[in-house]
Amino acid sequence: RLAAAPLMIRADRGQIEQVLMNLVVNARDAISVEGRVDIETASTDDGKVLLTVRDSGAGMVESVRQRIFEPFFTTKDAGKGTGLGLSIVFGILAEHRASIEVESAPGAGTAFAIRFDREADAACVPVCQPEAGGVVPLAGLSQQTVLLVDDDDSIRKSSRLILERAGFAVREASDGESAIRLVQDLSVPLSLAVIDLFMPGRNGHEVLALAREIRPALPVILLSGCFGSSDEGVGEGLAPVRLLAKPVLPNRLVRTVQECLGLLENLS
């Protein structure tokens, strides 16, 4: 249910799409058999734009509700969630100076209410331009193919959307075995790989080792929650490896890919 008239905010379209995707995926997972997910927009008395995602799922006890935005906190079974989806939502909204509140109770579903500053209609265009310091999508990147490896479906799909909106072609792998097959197939053009280190079965370390052997010039970005966000490594004669700590905000992911491919240097 949307407001009768458009409500304008200043935001990065791709990042807000990721917020919605993560919230809707969580809502879906909270519904065991059948249920309903509602997305609503409205204006508030204090001049804000209210975006609400509400589900009819199982709901949460108070002790869980208070922790849901903590990185790596999850109530899902092992291997079914990383606990990063909502922390990424929180980080994106903080960048946009937006607030998020959660109402939930066992058996009563959950509602996420997001409040954005409203912009005057004349101050916005249909697609808002990136703010200073943001990622500028670069034209003509369809020949730059990123291998995206992550076993978490929601994070992988969100990351794919972000990279494609930045102009890259993306090949996905949901596990290490699938990633290794793509690396081994030299008929598949790959410009860079983004690899989650910790996956069931063949992990990111194994994918990296094989990529070093078969495609030594392939730049690699490793994702994990176990190291600092600015670490960097390189082997003799090999393309650099960049390390990014989860959760990774969209602008940082795209900018790091651009940096590894030398695209930002080419603009200067």
Protein backbone atom coordinates (compact mmCIF):
# COMPACT_ATOMS: atom_id res chain seq x y z
CA ARG A 1 0.00 0.00 0.00
CA LEU A 2 1.55 3.22 -1.15
CA ALA A 3 0.81 6.81 -0.31
CA ALA A 4 -1.60 8.51 -2.71
CA ALA A 5 1.07 10.96 -3.90
CA PRO A 6 4.81 10.36 -4.42
CA LEU A 7 6.97 11.00 -1.35
CA MET A 8 10.46 12.22 -2.25
CA ILE A 9 13.61 11.26 -0.35
CA ARG A 10 17.30 11.70 -1.16
CA ALA A 11 18.76 8.20 -1.35
CA ASP A 12 20.83 5.73 -3.32
CA ARG A 13 18.36 3.60 -5.25
CA GLY A 14 20.45 0.41 -5.16
CA GLN A 15 21.01 0.65 -1.40
CA ILE A 16 17.31 1.18 -0.64
CA GLU A 17 16.48 -1.80 -2.87
CA GLN A 18 18.90 -3.84 -0.77
CA VAL A 19 17.19 -2.67 2.43
CA LEU A 20 13.82 -3.78 1.06
CA MET A 21 15.18 -7.08 -0.21
CA ASN A 22 16.77 -7.95 3.12
CA LEU A 23 13.63 -7.03 5.08
CA VAL A 24 11.34 -8.97 2.75
CA VAL A 25 13.60 -12.04 2.82
CA ASN A 26 13.53 -11.95 6.62
CA ALA A 27 9.75 -11.57 6.56
CA ARG A 28 9.44 -14.56 4.23
CA ASP A 29 11.63 -16.68 6.49
CA ALA A 30 9.48 -15.75 9.51
CA ILE A 31 6.37 -17.24 7.85
CA SER A 32 6.31 -21.00 8.28
CA VAL A 33 3.53 -22.02 5.84
CA GLU A 34 1.23 -19.25 4.66
CA GLY A 35 1.19 -15.59 5.55
CA ARG A 36 1.34 -12.03 4.33
CA VAL A 37 4.01 -9.39 3.80
CA ASP A 38 2.88 -5.78 3.43
CA ILE A 39 4.99 -2.83 2.27
CA GLU A 40 3.53 0.61 3.00
CA THR A 41 4.56 4.21 2.52
CA ALA A 42 3.05 7.25 4.24
CA SER A 43 3.86 10.75 5.37
CA THR A 44 4.05 11.54 9.09
CA ASP A 45 2.87 14.55 11.06
CA ASP A 46 6.47 15.66 11.64
CA GLY A 47 7.26 15.75 7.91
CA LYS A 48 9.03 12.41 7.60
CA VAL A 49 8.53 9.65 5.02
CA LEU A 50 7.49 6.39 6.68
CA LEU A 51 8.30 3.07 5.00
CA THR A 52 6.92 0.00 6.78
CA VAL A 53 7.55 -3.68 6.08
CA ARG A 54 5.13 -5.84 8.08
CA ASP A 55 4.72 -9.62 8.15
CA SER A 56 2.28 -12.05 9.74
CA GLY A 57 5.03 -14.45 10.80
CA ALA A 58 6.04 -15.99 14.09
CA GLY A 59 7.23 -12.75 15.69
CA MET A 60 10.04 -12.39 18.22
CA VAL A 61 10.51 -12.40 21.95
CA GLU A 62 11.86 -9.16 23.42
CA SER A 63 15.37 -10.53 24.07
CA VAL A 64 15.70 -11.37 20.35
CA ARG A 65 14.13 -8.10 19.16
CA GLN A 66 16.75 -6.11 21.06
CA ARG A 67 19.63 -7.89 19.29
CA ILE A 68 18.49 -8.28 15.69
CA PHE A 69 20.74 -5.53 14.29
CA GLU A 70 23.91 -6.98 15.86
CA PRO A 71 26.35 -8.35 13.24
CA PHE A 72 26.32 -12.17 13.11
CA PHE A 73 23.35 -12.52 15.47
CA THR A 74 20.83 -14.97 14.01
CA THR A 75 18.10 -17.29 15.21
CA LYS A 76 18.25 -19.41 12.05
CA ASP A 77 19.67 -22.92 11.98
CA ALA A 78 23.39 -23.37 11.24
CA GLY A 79 24.14 -22.86 7.56
CA LYS A 80 20.85 -21.03 6.87
CA GLY A 81 21.81 -17.49 7.78
CA THR A 82 24.86 -15.33 8.46
CA GLY A 83 23.26 -12.81 10.78
CA LEU A 84 24.41 -9.96 8.50
CA GLY A 85 21.24 -9.00 6.61
CA LEU A 86 19.77 -6.70 9.26
CA SER A 87 23.12 -5.23 10.30
CA ILE A 88 23.61 -4.21 6.65
CA VAL A 89 20.13 -2.66 6.69
CA PHE A 90 21.04 -0.70 9.83
CA GLY A 91 24.32 0.53 8.28
CA ILE A 92 22.68 1.66 5.05
CA LEU A 93 19.97 3.56 6.91
CA ALA A 94 22.57 5.21 9.14
CA GLU A 95 24.33 6.46 6.00
CA HIS A 96 21.00 7.95 4.88
CA ARG A 97 20.33 9.52 8.31
CA ALA A 98 17.21 7.40 8.56
CA SER A 99 15.90 5.63 11.66
CA ILE A 100 14.43 2.15 11.97
CA GLU A 101 12.16 0.79 14.70
CA VAL A 102 10.90 -2.75 15.24
CA GLU A 103 7.61 -3.91 16.75
CA SER A 104 7.18 -7.62 17.32
CA ALA A 105 5.73 -10.19 19.68
CA PRO A 106 5.47 -13.99 19.60
CA GLY A 107 2.61 -15.00 17.32
CA ALA A 108 1.88 -11.39 16.33
CA GLY A 109 4.28 -10.90 13.43
CA THR A 110 6.91 -8.17 12.98
CA ALA A 111 6.86 -4.62 11.62
CA PHE A 112 9.96 -2.63 10.61
CA ALA A 113 9.22 1.11 10.44
CA ILE A 114 11.79 3.29 8.65
CA ARG A 115 11.68 7.09 8.79
CA PHE A 116 13.42 9.18 6.14
CA ASP A 117 13.77 12.93 5.91
CA ARG A 118 11.39 14.15 3.25
CA GLU A 119 12.72 16.27 0.40
CA ALA A 120 10.79 19.01 -1.32
CA ASP A 121 9.57 17.71 -4.67
CA ALA A 122 11.49 20.38 -6.55
CA ALA A 123 14.74 19.34 -4.85
CA CYS A 124 14.70 15.82 -6.32
CA VAL A 125 14.81 14.24 -9.73
CA PRO A 126 13.34 10.76 -10.44
CA VAL A 127 16.75 9.13 -10.03
CA CYS A 128 18.86 10.92 -7.42
CA GLN A 129 22.49 11.50 -8.24
CA PRO A 130 25.24 10.02 -6.01
CA GLU A 131 26.35 12.32 -3.25
CA ALA A 132 29.97 13.43 -2.91
CA GLY A 133 32.14 10.49 -1.97
CA GLY A 134 29.60 7.95 -3.25
CA VAL A 135 30.17 5.41 -5.99
CA VAL A 136 29.68 6.72 -9.51
CA PRO A 137 28.47 3.98 -11.88
CA LEU A 138 30.88 3.75 -14.80
CA ALA A 139 29.67 3.22 -18.34
CA GLY A 140 30.86 0.44 -20.62
CA LEU A 141 31.61 -2.19 -17.96
CA SER A 142 29.52 -5.02 -19.42
CA GLN A 143 32.75 -6.76 -20.46
CA GLN A 144 34.03 -6.69 -16.86
CA THR A 145 32.77 -9.90 -15.25
CA VAL A 146 32.78 -10.42 -11.48
CA LEU A 147 32.65 -13.91 -9.98
CA LEU A 148 30.50 -13.62 -6.85
CA VAL A 149 30.81 -16.51 -4.38
CA ASP A 150 28.62 -16.65 -1.25
CA ASP A 151 26.46 -19.43 0.22
CA ASP A 152 23.97 -16.95 1.70
CA ASP A 153 21.28 -16.49 -0.96
CA SER A 154 20.03 -13.10 0.22
CA ILE A 155 23.51 -11.56 0.51
CA ARG A 156 24.59 -13.01 -2.84
CA LYS A 157 21.50 -11.76 -4.66
CA SER A 158 21.76 -8.33 -3.05
CA SER A 159 25.44 -8.07 -3.98
CA ARG A 160 24.67 -9.12 -7.54
CA LEU A 161 22.06 -6.38 -7.85
CA ILE A 162 24.50 -3.80 -6.48
CA LEU A 163 27.30 -4.81 -8.87
CA GLU A 164 25.01 -4.99 -11.90
CA ARG A 165 23.64 -1.53 -11.15
CA ALA A 166 27.25 -0.32 -11.09
CA GLY A 167 27.67 -1.68 -14.64
CA PHE A 168 29.35 -5.07 -14.09
CA ALA A 169 28.40 -8.45 -15.46
CA VAL A 170 28.15 -11.04 -12.66
CA ARG A 171 28.57 -14.81 -12.48
CA GLU A 172 27.23 -16.36 -9.27
CA ALA A 173 28.34 -19.40 -7.29
CA SER A 174 26.45 -20.53 -4.20
CA ASP A 175 29.23 -22.79 -2.91
CA GLY A 176 32.94 -23.44 -3.26
CA GLU A 177 32.50 -26.40 -5.61
CA SER A 178 30.51 -24.34 -8.13
CA ALA A 179 33.04 -21.52 -7.87
CA ILE A 180 35.93 -23.89 -8.52
CA ARG A 181 34.24 -25.19 -11.68
CA LEU A 182 33.88 -21.63 -12.99
CA VAL A 183 37.51 -20.82 -12.19
CA GLN A 184 38.66 -23.99 -13.96
CA ASP A 185 36.62 -23.25 -17.09
CA LEU A 186 38.89 -20.88 -18.96
CA SER A 187 36.16 -20.23 -21.52
CA VAL A 188 34.41 -18.21 -18.81
CA PRO A 189 35.85 -14.65 -18.79
CA LEU A 190 36.47 -13.40 -15.27
CA SER A 191 37.85 -9.97 -14.41
CA LEU A 192 37.70 -10.26 -10.61
CA ALA A 193 36.39 -12.60 -7.89
CA VAL A 194 34.53 -11.69 -4.68
CA ILE A 195 34.71 -14.72 -2.38
CA ASP A 196 33.20 -15.41 1.04
CA LEU A 197 35.88 -17.19 3.07
CA PHE A 198 33.67 -19.35 5.26
CA MET A 199 31.28 -21.69 3.42
CA PRO A 200 30.22 -25.29 3.97
CA GLY A 201 32.24 -27.83 1.99
CA ARG A 202 34.91 -26.29 -0.23
CA ASN A 203 35.59 -22.96 1.47
CA GLY A 204 36.92 -19.65 0.20
CA HIS A 205 40.53 -20.56 1.01
CA GLU A 206 40.34 -23.46 -1.43
CA VAL A 207 38.74 -21.31 -4.13
CA LEU A 208 41.46 -18.68 -3.67
CA ALA A 209 44.25 -21.29 -3.85
CA LEU A 210 42.90 -22.67 -7.12
CA ALA A 211 42.38 -19.20 -8.57
CA ARG A 212 46.02 -18.39 -7.74
CA GLU A 213 47.11 -21.49 -9.62
CA ILE A 214 44.89 -21.26 -12.70
CA ARG A 215 44.30 -17.50 -13.02
CA PRO A 216 47.23 -15.80 -11.27
CA ALA A 217 46.33 -12.37 -12.71
CA LEU A 218 42.78 -12.48 -11.30
CA PRO A 219 42.23 -9.86 -8.55
CA VAL A 220 40.39 -11.29 -5.54
CA ILE A 221 38.33 -9.69 -2.77
CA LEU A 222 37.85 -11.91 0.28
CA LEU A 223 34.91 -11.36 2.63
CA SER A 224 34.88 -12.39 6.28
CA GLY A 225 33.99 -11.20 9.73
CA CYS A 226 37.37 -12.22 11.12
CA PHE A 227 39.78 -9.54 9.93
CA GLY A 228 40.09 -5.77 9.62
CA SER A 229 38.42 -3.92 6.80
CA SER A 230 41.59 -2.39 5.33
CA ASP A 231 43.92 -5.40 5.25
CA GLU A 232 45.60 -6.19 1.96
CA GLY A 233 47.86 -8.96 0.77
CA VAL A 234 49.71 -10.01 -2.36
CA GLY A 235 51.88 -12.90 -3.43
CA GLU A 236 54.95 -12.56 -5.63
CA GLY A 237 53.88 -12.30 -9.26
CA LEU A 238 50.20 -12.54 -8.36
CA ALA A 239 47.28 -10.15 -8.54
CA PRO A 240 46.46 -8.45 -5.24
CA VAL A 241 44.05 -9.84 -2.67
CA ARG A 242 41.87 -7.32 -0.84
CA LEU A 243 40.20 -8.22 2.44
CA LEU A 244 36.85 -6.74 3.44
CA ALA A 245 35.15 -7.29 6.78
CA LYS A 246 31.48 -8.19 6.80
CA PRO A 247 29.02 -6.60 6.75
CA VAL A 248 30.09 -4.68 3.63
CA LEU A 249 28.04 -1.65 2.67
CA PRO A 250 27.15 -1.34 -1.04
CA ASN A 251 29.30 1.74 -1.76
CA ARG A 252 32.35 0.10 -0.23
CA LEU A 253 31.88 -3.12 -2.20
CA VAL A 254 31.54 -1.36 -5.54
CA ARG A 255 34.37 1.08 -4.86
CA THR A 256 36.71 -1.75 -3.86
CA VAL A 257 35.89 -3.64 -7.06
CA GLN A 258 36.55 -0.49 -9.08
CA GLU A 259 39.85 0.08 -7.26
CA CYS A 260 41.03 -3.51 -7.80
CA LEU A 261 40.30 -3.23 -11.52
CA GLY A 262 42.07 0.14 -11.78
CA LEU A 263 38.89 1.83 -12.97
CA LEU A 264 39.05 4.78 -10.61
CA GLU A 265 42.68 5.47 -11.55
CA ASN A 266 41.62 5.56 -15.20
CA LEU A 267 39.23 8.41 -14.43
CA SER A 268 41.91 10.69 -12.96
